[in-house]
């Protein structure tokens, strides 16, 4: 997958490297702003099975 992206980016090595960093930051941004907040209620992190007695 990464090879396919690298081959399809325009420019020389430095331009491709810069565009790769920008793409990676965009993916991280989308994950943190949209995907993780949407999926958080579906995850069982708040289902505590230990009681204080």
Protein backbone atom coordinates (compact mmCIF):
# COMPACT_ATOMS: atom_id res chain seq x y z
CA UNK A 1 0.00 0.00 0.00
CA UNK A 2 2.76 2.46 0.93
CA UNK A 3 4.64 1.65 -2.25
CA UNK A 4 1.52 2.32 -4.30
CA UNK A 5 1.04 5.71 -2.60
CA UNK A 6 4.73 6.59 -3.08
CA UNK A 7 4.63 5.72 -6.78
CA UNK A 8 1.51 7.82 -7.38
CA UNK A 9 2.69 10.97 -5.62
CA UNK A 10 4.05 13.60 -8.02
CA UNK A 11 7.46 15.22 -7.78
CA UNK A 12 10.94 14.25 -6.69
CA UNK A 13 11.91 12.48 -3.46
CA UNK A 14 11.71 15.59 -1.27
CA UNK A 15 8.27 16.56 -2.57
CA UNK A 16 7.04 12.99 -2.13
CA UNK A 17 8.42 12.89 1.42
CA UNK A 18 6.73 16.19 2.30
CA UNK A 19 3.44 15.06 0.80
CA UNK A 20 3.70 11.75 2.66
CA UNK A 21 4.09 13.60 5.96
CA UNK A 22 1.12 15.82 5.14
CA UNK A 23 -0.99 12.80 4.22
CA UNK A 24 -0.04 11.01 7.45
CA UNK A 25 -0.92 14.10 9.51
CA UNK A 26 -4.25 14.38 7.69
CA UNK A 27 -5.07 10.75 8.49
CA UNK A 28 -4.19 11.26 12.17
CA UNK A 29 -6.34 14.40 12.27
CA UNK A 30 -9.35 12.65 10.74
CA UNK A 31 -8.97 9.72 13.13
CA UNK A 32 -8.80 11.91 16.25
CA UNK A 33 -11.52 14.36 15.19
CA UNK A 34 -14.11 12.03 13.66
CA UNK A 35 -13.43 8.30 13.89
CA UNK A 36 -12.34 7.92 17.52
CA UNK A 37 -15.14 10.09 18.98
CA UNK A 38 -17.67 8.14 16.92
CA UNK A 39 -16.27 4.75 18.03
CA UNK A 40 -15.71 5.64 21.71
CA UNK A 41 -19.27 4.83 22.90
CA UNK A 42 -19.05 1.47 21.16
CA UNK A 43 -15.90 0.40 23.04
CA UNK A 44 -16.13 -1.37 26.41
CA UNK A 45 -13.61 0.80 28.30
CA UNK A 46 -16.21 2.09 30.78
CA UNK A 47 -17.61 -1.37 31.58
CA UNK A 48 -15.98 -1.88 34.97
CA UNK A 49 -16.23 -5.38 36.40
CA UNK A 50 -14.49 -4.73 39.74
CA UNK A 51 -16.62 -3.39 42.61
CA UNK A 52 -15.40 -1.49 45.66
CA UNK A 53 -16.51 -3.46 48.72
